[in-house]
Amino acid sequence: MIRVVLTDIEGTTSSISFVHDVLFPYSATHMADFVREAEADSTEVREQLDAVAQTSGVARDDVEGLIGVLETWIREDRKETSLKTLQGMLWEQGYQQGAFRGHVYEDAAEYLQRWHDRGLRLFVYSSGSVKAQKLIFGFSEAGDLTPFFSGYFDTRVGGKREPQSYKNILDQLGVEPQTVLFLSDVEAELQAADSAGLRTIWLIREGDLPETKWAVARDFTDVDRFLLQR
């Protein structure tokens, strides 16, 4: 029996276009000023810049050089934890100032609440930072959805295409793998989760449905039919 639903964000609960057409451009436009203004006063920003310097090899006291690295990583959509953490901090300002609201598909918002009310434990696993995850659901177009979630995972548990990452999540949850359903729109992530023993569903919201070994869903209504059979 499925007791836990672990969900991706982009292409699963939320549109890829929101992340790539709203959040990423916002961070590209505002990252430099954000770092310059926050670096002197924020311990957390300084810690992330330490990590950027260590990864990139740019001198830690070269703030403009580090900003250049961050802007390059944004263009490359690098999954660096330090970048994702800084983006989360920057996006928090945007959400709070009303620059945008988090996109969540209507069916996802509806069934996240239904599953929570039904007693399922809901978790997020995304390459975006935990802060960014909480923001997209906390400031969503459907209202604050964070009360429905029991926890969040980001790349600190490992990459999403690595089976060990899902084993790390299972260890933290303390549950058997067959009781966890993982939802994603990326086949390589499903393969990694399957290798760790999790149940999986491939979300394909648009386009033709492929012939595949994976269970496939168009939306969370389809996912719910799967859950009701388990």
Protein backbone atom coordinates (compact mmCIF):
# COMPACT_ATOMS: atom_id res chain seq x y z
CA MET A 1 0.00 0.00 0.00
CA ILE A 2 1.23 3.47 -0.90
CA ARG A 3 1.65 5.60 2.22
CA VAL A 4 4.00 8.31 0.93
CA VAL A 5 3.90 10.41 -2.23
CA LEU A 6 7.21 11.98 -3.24
CA THR A 7 6.80 14.52 -6.02
CA ASP A 8 8.99 16.47 -8.39
CA ILE A 9 8.00 20.07 -9.18
CA GLU A 10 8.87 21.13 -12.76
CA GLY A 11 6.54 19.46 -15.24
CA THR A 12 4.83 17.55 -12.43
CA THR A 13 3.10 19.90 -9.99
CA SER A 14 4.08 23.05 -11.83
CA SER A 15 4.75 24.16 -15.39
CA ILE A 16 8.30 24.11 -16.68
CA SER A 17 7.60 27.47 -18.32
CA PHE A 18 7.02 29.16 -14.94
CA VAL A 19 10.48 28.16 -13.76
CA HIS A 20 12.25 28.90 -17.04
CA ASP A 21 10.27 31.94 -18.18
CA VAL A 22 9.64 33.64 -14.82
CA LEU A 23 11.96 32.46 -12.04
CA PHE A 24 15.19 32.01 -13.99
CA PRO A 25 14.97 35.38 -15.80
CA TYR A 26 14.18 37.08 -12.49
CA SER A 27 17.28 35.60 -10.88
CA ALA A 28 19.41 36.43 -13.93
CA THR A 29 18.27 40.05 -13.80
CA HIS A 30 18.56 40.58 -10.05
CA MET A 31 21.32 38.22 -8.84
CA ALA A 32 24.16 40.74 -9.16
CA ASP A 33 22.45 43.49 -7.17
CA PHE A 34 21.18 40.97 -4.62
CA VAL A 35 24.68 39.62 -3.93
CA ARG A 36 26.26 43.08 -3.79
CA GLU A 37 23.64 44.33 -1.33
CA ALA A 38 23.39 41.22 0.87
CA GLU A 39 27.02 40.05 0.97
CA ALA A 40 28.04 42.45 3.75
CA ASP A 41 25.06 41.79 6.03
CA SER A 42 24.01 38.17 5.46
CA THR A 43 25.98 35.28 6.92
CA GLU A 44 24.00 32.85 4.75
CA VAL A 45 24.90 34.72 1.56
CA ARG A 46 28.57 34.77 2.55
CA GLU A 47 28.49 31.02 3.23
CA GLN A 48 27.07 30.35 -0.24
CA LEU A 49 29.67 32.61 -1.84
CA ASP A 50 32.34 30.60 0.01
CA ALA A 51 30.95 27.51 -1.71
CA VAL A 52 30.84 29.23 -5.10
CA ALA A 53 34.49 30.22 -4.72
CA GLN A 54 35.51 26.71 -3.70
CA THR A 55 33.70 25.09 -6.63
CA SER A 56 34.70 27.62 -9.29
CA GLY A 57 38.24 28.46 -8.20
CA VAL A 58 37.50 32.18 -8.30
CA ALA A 59 39.06 34.10 -5.38
CA ARG A 60 36.64 34.58 -2.51
CA ASP A 61 37.36 38.31 -2.28
CA ASP A 62 36.52 38.77 -5.98
CA VAL A 63 32.78 39.38 -5.51
CA GLU A 64 32.27 40.54 -9.09
CA GLY A 65 34.02 37.42 -10.33
CA LEU A 66 31.74 35.26 -8.19
CA ILE A 67 28.71 37.11 -9.53
CA GLY A 68 29.94 36.31 -13.04
CA VAL A 69 30.15 32.62 -12.11
CA LEU A 70 26.61 32.66 -10.73
CA GLU A 71 25.26 34.35 -13.85
CA THR A 72 26.98 31.73 -16.02
CA TRP A 73 25.54 28.93 -13.90
CA ILE A 74 22.07 30.43 -14.27
CA ARG A 75 22.43 30.44 -18.07
CA GLU A 76 23.65 26.83 -17.96
CA ASP A 77 20.94 25.75 -15.48
CA ARG A 78 23.65 24.24 -13.28
CA LYS A 79 22.41 22.17 -10.34
CA GLU A 80 24.91 23.69 -7.91
CA THR A 81 23.51 23.75 -4.37
CA SER A 82 25.06 27.16 -3.66
CA LEU A 83 23.38 28.68 -6.73
CA LYS A 84 20.03 27.10 -5.88
CA THR A 85 20.25 28.40 -2.32
CA LEU A 86 20.99 31.95 -3.46
CA GLN A 87 18.21 31.78 -6.05
CA GLY A 88 15.80 30.68 -3.33
CA MET A 89 16.75 33.69 -1.20
CA LEU A 90 16.34 36.02 -4.17
CA TRP A 91 13.01 34.53 -5.22
CA GLU A 92 11.74 34.95 -1.67
CA GLN A 93 12.07 38.69 -2.14
CA GLY A 94 10.21 38.46 -5.43
CA TYR A 95 7.34 36.48 -3.94
CA GLN A 96 7.07 38.78 -0.93
CA GLN A 97 7.08 41.87 -3.13
CA GLY A 98 4.36 40.41 -5.36
CA ALA A 99 6.53 40.20 -8.48
CA PHE A 100 5.00 36.76 -9.22
CA ARG A 101 3.09 33.89 -7.65
CA GLY A 102 3.98 30.23 -7.82
CA HIS A 103 2.35 28.24 -10.61
CA VAL A 104 0.74 24.97 -9.50
CA TYR A 105 -1.56 23.02 -11.80
CA GLU A 106 -5.18 23.07 -10.62
CA ASP A 107 -5.34 19.28 -10.50
CA ALA A 108 -2.13 19.16 -8.44
CA ALA A 109 -3.42 21.69 -5.91
CA GLU A 110 -6.70 19.80 -5.60
CA TYR A 111 -5.20 16.35 -5.12
CA LEU A 112 -2.38 17.43 -2.83
CA GLN A 113 -5.08 18.52 -0.40
CA ARG A 114 -7.16 15.38 -1.00
CA TRP A 115 -4.19 13.07 -0.44
CA HIS A 116 -3.18 14.94 2.69
CA ASP A 117 -6.73 14.72 4.03
CA ARG A 118 -6.76 11.02 3.15
CA GLY A 119 -3.75 10.47 5.41
CA LEU A 120 -0.96 10.17 2.84
CA ARG A 121 2.35 11.77 3.73
CA LEU A 122 3.50 14.16 1.01
CA PHE A 123 7.10 15.15 0.28
CA VAL A 124 8.87 17.14 -2.42
CA TYR A 125 12.14 16.22 -4.11
CA SER A 126 13.46 18.86 -6.49
CA SER A 127 16.80 20.15 -7.71
CA GLY A 128 15.66 23.57 -6.51
CA SER A 129 16.54 24.40 -2.90
CA VAL A 130 14.16 23.56 -0.08
CA LYS A 131 13.57 27.30 0.33
CA ALA A 132 12.57 27.60 -3.34
CA GLN A 133 10.26 24.60 -2.99
CA LYS A 134 8.49 26.10 0.03
CA LEU A 135 8.12 29.41 -1.78
CA ILE A 136 6.47 28.04 -4.92
CA PHE A 137 3.89 26.20 -2.80
CA GLY A 138 3.62 28.82 -0.07
CA PHE A 139 2.97 31.69 -2.49
CA SER A 140 1.09 29.68 -5.11
CA GLU A 141 -1.78 30.91 -7.25
CA ALA A 142 -3.93 28.43 -5.30
CA GLY A 143 -2.89 29.83 -1.92
CA ASP A 144 -0.58 28.40 0.72
CA LEU A 145 -0.19 24.68 0.03
CA THR A 146 2.70 24.07 2.44
CA PRO A 147 0.47 22.66 5.23
CA PHE A 148 -0.14 19.61 3.02
CA PHE A 149 3.55 18.62 2.93
CA SER A 150 5.47 16.70 5.57
CA GLY A 151 8.92 17.60 4.25
CA TYR A 152 11.22 18.59 1.41
CA PHE A 153 14.39 17.23 -0.21
CA ASP A 154 16.87 18.92 -2.52
CA THR A 155 20.27 18.07 -3.99
CA ARG A 156 21.79 17.80 -0.52
CA VAL A 157 20.54 14.19 -0.53
CA GLY A 158 22.15 13.68 -3.96
CA GLY A 159 21.34 14.12 -7.64
CA LYS A 160 17.89 13.17 -8.87
CA ARG A 161 19.25 10.68 -11.41
CA GLU A 162 21.24 8.74 -8.80
CA PRO A 163 19.64 5.70 -7.11
CA GLN A 164 21.54 6.43 -3.90
CA SER A 165 19.65 9.70 -3.52
CA TYR A 166 16.36 7.83 -3.21
CA LYS A 167 17.91 5.39 -0.75
CA ASN A 168 19.01 8.38 1.30
CA ILE A 169 15.45 9.70 1.26
CA LEU A 170 14.10 6.30 2.34
CA ASP A 171 16.57 6.25 5.21
CA GLN A 172 15.37 9.65 6.37
CA LEU A 173 11.71 8.69 6.04
CA GLY A 174 12.19 5.33 7.71
CA VAL A 175 9.75 3.53 5.39
CA GLU A 176 9.85 0.57 3.03
CA PRO A 177 10.49 1.54 -0.62
CA GLN A 178 7.35 -0.13 -1.96
CA THR A 179 5.21 2.19 0.19
CA VAL A 180 6.55 5.30 -1.61
CA LEU A 181 5.23 6.59 -4.94
CA PHE A 182 7.54 8.93 -6.84
CA LEU A 183 6.08 11.32 -9.43
CA SER A 184 8.26 12.92 -12.11
CA ASP A 185 8.24 14.03 -15.72
CA VAL A 186 11.86 12.85 -16.27
CA GLU A 187 12.39 9.22 -17.24
CA ALA A 188 15.97 9.08 -15.89
CA GLU A 189 14.69 10.09 -12.46
CA LEU A 190 12.07 7.34 -12.58
CA GLN A 191 14.80 4.84 -13.43
CA ALA A 192 16.87 5.94 -10.43
CA ALA A 193 13.88 5.77 -8.08
CA ASP A 194 12.85 2.38 -9.46
CA SER A 195 16.38 1.08 -8.85
CA ALA A 196 15.94 2.04 -5.19
CA GLY A 197 12.66 0.11 -5.03
CA LEU A 198 10.16 2.98 -5.14
CA ARG A 199 6.93 2.85 -7.10
CA THR A 200 6.88 5.41 -9.91
CA ILE A 201 4.56 7.27 -12.27
CA TRP A 202 5.70 9.25 -15.29
CA LEU A 203 3.79 12.55 -15.65
CA ILE A 204 3.38 13.41 -19.33
CA ARG A 205 1.07 16.39 -19.37
CA GLU A 206 1.46 17.20 -23.08
CA GLY A 207 2.32 15.37 -26.27
CA ASP A 208 1.90 11.77 -27.32
CA LEU A 209 2.09 9.04 -24.72
CA PRO A 210 5.02 6.71 -25.43
CA GLU A 211 5.03 2.96 -25.22
CA THR A 212 6.91 2.43 -21.98
CA LYS A 213 7.32 0.12 -19.01
CA TRP A 214 6.43 2.97 -16.64
CA ALA A 215 2.97 3.74 -15.35
CA VAL A 216 1.98 6.98 -17.11
CA ALA A 217 -0.37 9.77 -16.04
CA ARG A 218 -1.60 12.91 -17.75
CA ASP A 219 -2.37 14.67 -14.48
CA PHE A 220 -2.96 14.07 -10.78
CA THR A 221 -6.48 12.79 -11.47
CA ASP A 222 -4.86 9.84 -13.26
CA VAL A 223 -2.40 9.43 -10.39
CA ASP A 224 -5.29 9.27 -7.93
CA ARG A 225 -6.86 6.38 -9.85
CA PHE A 226 -3.57 4.52 -9.44
CA LEU A 227 -3.52 5.27 -5.71
CA LEU A 228 -7.09 4.07 -5.22
CA GLN A 229 -6.11 0.72 -6.73
CA ARG A 230 -3.26 0.29 -4.22
